Amino acid sequence: MPFAGLIGIEFLAVDPAVVRARLGWSPERCTVAGVMHGGALMALADACGAVAAFVNLPEGAVGTTTLTSATNFLAAVRDGHANAASTILHRGRTTIVVETVISDDNGRTVAKITQTQAVLS
């Protein structure tokens, strides 16, 4: 996934049960006041969720694409890493629903994202 590499996302574990990735805090990924930008967190969640959907594709499918994504921001990331864990909520023939929880290095939940991925045949 070239975009994930471009912005600095690191995949730590890729398994059908859970996909884990992280994005390091840096001034270039922040809003004013040193808070990691919500768009950076959403990009992390989208990439991690897409990989989770991909490794859970039904037989005969070739890929996925994001149909919807809903994000709830709960806290700020001011240093360290944003750590994402994506799990499957629903695995169907035409859609896969993924939940991604992003936490900081202290284990505090900073965002929850639910996305629906279309299954491409």
C-alpha atoms as a PDB file:
ATOM      1  CA  MET A   1       0.000   0.000   0.000  1.00  0.00           C
ATOM      2  CA  PRO A   2       2.159   2.905  -1.268  1.00  0.00           C
ATOM      3  CA  PHE A   3       0.178   5.679   0.480  1.00  0.00           C
ATOM      4  CA  ALA A   4       0.568   4.018   3.888  1.00  0.00           C
ATOM      5  CA  GLY A   5       4.327   3.893   3.415  1.00  0.00           C
ATOM      6  CA  LEU A   6       4.440   7.478   2.191  1.00  0.00           C
ATOM      7  CA  ILE A   7       2.840   8.855   5.346  1.00  0.00           C
ATOM      8  CA  GLY A   8       4.803   6.568   7.676  1.00  0.00           C
ATOM      9  CA  ILE A   9       2.338   3.839   8.664  1.00  0.00           C
ATOM     10  CA  GLU A  10       4.070   0.705   9.963  1.00  0.00           C
ATOM     11  CA  PHE A  11       2.213  -2.628   9.893  1.00  0.00           C
ATOM     12  CA  LEU A  12       3.087  -4.638  12.988  1.00  0.00           C
ATOM     13  CA  ALA A  13       0.840  -7.704  12.586  1.00  0.00           C
ATOM     14  CA  VAL A  14      -1.314  -8.911   9.709  1.00  0.00           C
ATOM     15  CA  ASP A  15      -3.612 -11.782  10.640  1.00  0.00           C
ATOM     16  CA  PRO A  16      -7.264 -12.517   9.779  1.00  0.00           C
ATOM     17  CA  ALA A  17      -8.116 -12.142  13.500  1.00  0.00           C
ATOM     18  CA  VAL A  18      -6.491  -8.701  13.953  1.00  0.00           C
ATOM     19  CA  VAL A  19      -4.362  -6.299  11.953  1.00  0.00           C
ATOM     20  CA  ARG A  20      -2.118  -3.933  13.922  1.00  0.00           C
ATOM     21  CA  ALA A  21      -0.383  -0.825  12.624  1.00  0.00           C
ATOM     22  CA  ARG A  22       1.018   2.389  14.024  1.00  0.00           C
ATOM     23  CA  LEU A  23       1.837   5.924  13.017  1.00  0.00           C
ATOM     24  CA  GLY A  24       4.452   7.932  14.872  1.00  0.00           C
ATOM     25  CA  TRP A  25       3.763  11.409  16.190  1.00  0.00           C
ATOM     26  CA  SER A  26       5.696  14.135  14.387  1.00  0.00           C
ATOM     27  CA  PRO A  27       5.194  17.902  14.066  1.00  0.00           C
ATOM     28  CA  GLU A  28       4.367  17.441  10.362  1.00  0.00           C
ATOM     29  CA  ARG A  29       1.360  15.270  11.288  1.00  0.00           C
ATOM     30  CA  CYS A  30      -0.080  17.779  13.759  1.00  0.00           C
ATOM     31  CA  THR A  31      -2.505  20.623  14.008  1.00  0.00           C
ATOM     32  CA  VAL A  32      -1.569  23.675  16.049  1.00  0.00           C
ATOM     33  CA  ALA A  33      -0.797  22.860  19.701  1.00  0.00           C
ATOM     34  CA  GLY A  34       1.054  19.638  18.826  1.00  0.00           C
ATOM     35  CA  VAL A  35      -2.000  17.385  18.480  1.00  0.00           C
ATOM     36  CA  MET A  36      -1.862  14.669  15.806  1.00  0.00           C
ATOM     37  CA  HIS A  37      -4.217  15.679  13.002  1.00  0.00           C
ATOM     38  CA  GLY A  38      -7.510  13.787  12.766  1.00  0.00           C
ATOM     39  CA  GLY A  39      -6.862  13.158   9.088  1.00  0.00           C
ATOM     40  CA  ALA A  40      -3.649  11.323   9.960  1.00  0.00           C
ATOM     41  CA  LEU A  41      -5.584   9.150  12.421  1.00  0.00           C
ATOM     42  CA  MET A  42      -8.287   8.493   9.820  1.00  0.00           C
ATOM     43  CA  ALA A  43      -5.655   7.520   7.231  1.00  0.00           C
ATOM     44  CA  LEU A  44      -4.139   5.080   9.746  1.00  0.00           C
ATOM     45  CA  ALA A  45      -7.571   3.570  10.442  1.00  0.00           C
ATOM     46  CA  ASP A  46      -8.476   3.334   6.758  1.00  0.00           C
ATOM     47  CA  ALA A  47      -5.217   1.610   5.845  1.00  0.00           C
ATOM     48  CA  CYS A  48      -5.343  -0.802   8.780  1.00  0.00           C
ATOM     49  CA  GLY A  49      -9.029  -1.572   8.166  1.00  0.00           C
ATOM     50  CA  ALA A  50      -8.449  -2.120   4.460  1.00  0.00           C
ATOM     51  CA  VAL A  51      -5.730  -4.671   5.154  1.00  0.00           C
ATOM     52  CA  ALA A  52      -7.995  -6.431   7.679  1.00  0.00           C
ATOM     53  CA  ALA A  53     -10.744  -6.627   5.055  1.00  0.00           C
ATOM     54  CA  PHE A  54      -8.297  -7.823   2.398  1.00  0.00           C
ATOM     55  CA  VAL A  55      -6.990 -10.729   4.500  1.00  0.00           C
ATOM     56  CA  ASN A  56     -10.607 -11.732   5.191  1.00  0.00           C
ATOM     57  CA  LEU A  57     -11.846 -11.701   1.591  1.00  0.00           C
ATOM     58  CA  PRO A  58     -14.223 -14.488   0.594  1.00  0.00           C
ATOM     59  CA  GLU A  59     -13.021 -16.995  -1.977  1.00  0.00           C
ATOM     60  CA  GLY A  60     -12.904 -15.547  -5.495  1.00  0.00           C
ATOM     61  CA  ALA A  61     -12.719 -11.888  -4.439  1.00  0.00           C
ATOM     62  CA  VAL A  62      -9.802  -9.761  -5.624  1.00  0.00           C
ATOM     63  CA  GLY A  63      -9.881  -6.697  -3.393  1.00  0.00           C
ATOM     64  CA  THR A  64     -11.877  -4.163  -1.417  1.00  0.00           C
ATOM     65  CA  THR A  65     -12.703  -0.486  -1.454  1.00  0.00           C
ATOM     66  CA  THR A  66     -14.024   1.693   1.357  1.00  0.00           C
ATOM     67  CA  LEU A  67     -17.738   2.508   1.081  1.00  0.00           C
ATOM     68  CA  THR A  68     -18.265   4.274   4.425  1.00  0.00           C
ATOM     69  CA  SER A  69     -16.149   5.288   7.382  1.00  0.00           C
ATOM     70  CA  ALA A  70     -17.388   6.744  10.683  1.00  0.00           C
ATOM     71  CA  THR A  71     -14.874   8.118  13.157  1.00  0.00           C
ATOM     72  CA  ASN A  72     -15.323   9.064  16.798  1.00  0.00           C
ATOM     73  CA  PHE A  73     -12.406  11.052  18.218  1.00  0.00           C
ATOM     74  CA  LEU A  74     -12.099  10.538  21.976  1.00  0.00           C
ATOM     75  CA  ALA A  75      -8.688  11.938  22.971  1.00  0.00           C
ATOM     76  CA  ALA A  76      -5.562  13.551  21.516  1.00  0.00           C
ATOM     77  CA  VAL A  77      -2.229  12.027  20.536  1.00  0.00           C
ATOM     78  CA  ARG A  78       0.522  14.462  21.594  1.00  0.00           C
ATOM     79  CA  ASP A  79       3.585  12.199  21.424  1.00  0.00           C
ATOM     80  CA  GLY A  80       4.675   8.621  20.799  1.00  0.00           C
ATOM     81  CA  HIS A  81       2.504   6.602  18.431  1.00  0.00           C
ATOM     82  CA  ALA A  82      -1.082   6.197  17.361  1.00  0.00           C
ATOM     83  CA  ASN A  83      -1.606   2.419  17.530  1.00  0.00           C
ATOM     84  CA  ALA A  84      -4.393   0.847  15.464  1.00  0.00           C
ATOM     85  CA  ALA A  85      -6.017  -2.564  15.853  1.00  0.00           C
ATOM     86  CA  SER A  86      -8.595  -3.619  13.247  1.00  0.00           C
ATOM     87  CA  THR A  87     -11.021  -6.515  13.664  1.00  0.00           C
ATOM     88  CA  ILE A  88     -13.871  -7.816  11.527  1.00  0.00           C
ATOM     89  CA  LEU A  89     -17.436  -7.191  12.701  1.00  0.00           C
ATOM     90  CA  HIS A  90     -19.108  -8.712   9.624  1.00  0.00           C
ATOM     91  CA  ARG A  91     -17.721 -10.774   6.740  1.00  0.00           C
ATOM     92  CA  GLY A  92     -20.208 -11.098   3.924  1.00  0.00           C
ATOM     93  CA  ARG A  93     -20.178 -11.873   0.213  1.00  0.00           C
ATOM     94  CA  THR A  94     -20.444  -8.222  -0.862  1.00  0.00           C
ATOM     95  CA  THR A  95     -19.314  -6.221   2.180  1.00  0.00           C
ATOM     96  CA  ILE A  96     -16.950  -6.507   5.117  1.00  0.00           C
ATOM     97  CA  VAL A  97     -17.443  -4.301   8.191  1.00  0.00           C
ATOM     98  CA  VAL A  98     -14.310  -3.478  10.175  1.00  0.00           C
ATOM     99  CA  GLU A  99     -13.866  -1.834  13.572  1.00  0.00           C
ATOM    100  CA  THR A 100     -10.574  -0.079  14.263  1.00  0.00           C
ATOM    101  CA  VAL A 101      -9.569   1.131  17.703  1.00  0.00           C
ATOM    102  CA  ILE A 102      -6.710   3.618  17.888  1.00  0.00           C
ATOM    103  CA  SER A 103      -4.882   4.050  21.174  1.00  0.00           C
ATOM    104  CA  ASP A 104      -1.873   6.005  22.358  1.00  0.00           C
ATOM    105  CA  ASP A 105       1.270   4.435  23.816  1.00  0.00           C
ATOM    106  CA  ASN A 106      -0.339   4.479  27.285  1.00  0.00           C
ATOM    107  CA  GLY A 107      -3.254   2.323  26.064  1.00  0.00           C
ATOM    108  CA  ARG A 108      -5.774   5.188  26.167  1.00  0.00           C
ATOM    109  CA  THR A 109      -8.375   4.940  23.395  1.00  0.00           C
ATOM    110  CA  VAL A 110      -8.123   8.013  21.185  1.00  0.00           C
ATOM    111  CA  ALA A 111     -10.502   7.036  18.357  1.00  0.00           C
ATOM    112  CA  LYS A 112     -12.944   4.344  17.229  1.00  0.00           C
ATOM    113  CA  ILE A 113     -13.650   3.880  13.558  1.00  0.00           C
ATOM    114  CA  THR A 114     -16.203   1.665  11.833  1.00  0.00           C
ATOM    115  CA  GLN A 115     -15.878   1.220   8.097  1.00  0.00           C
ATOM    116  CA  THR A 116     -17.712  -0.764   5.480  1.00  0.00           C
ATOM    117  CA  GLN A 117     -15.581  -2.215   2.706  1.00  0.00           C
ATOM    118  CA  ALA A 118     -17.087  -3.351  -0.604  1.00  0.00           C
ATOM    119  CA  VAL A 119     -15.841  -6.764  -1.756  1.00  0.00           C
ATOM    120  CA  LEU A 120     -14.525  -6.572  -5.332  1.00  0.00           C
ATOM    121  CA  SER A 121     -14.862  -9.655  -7.525  1.00  0.00           C
END
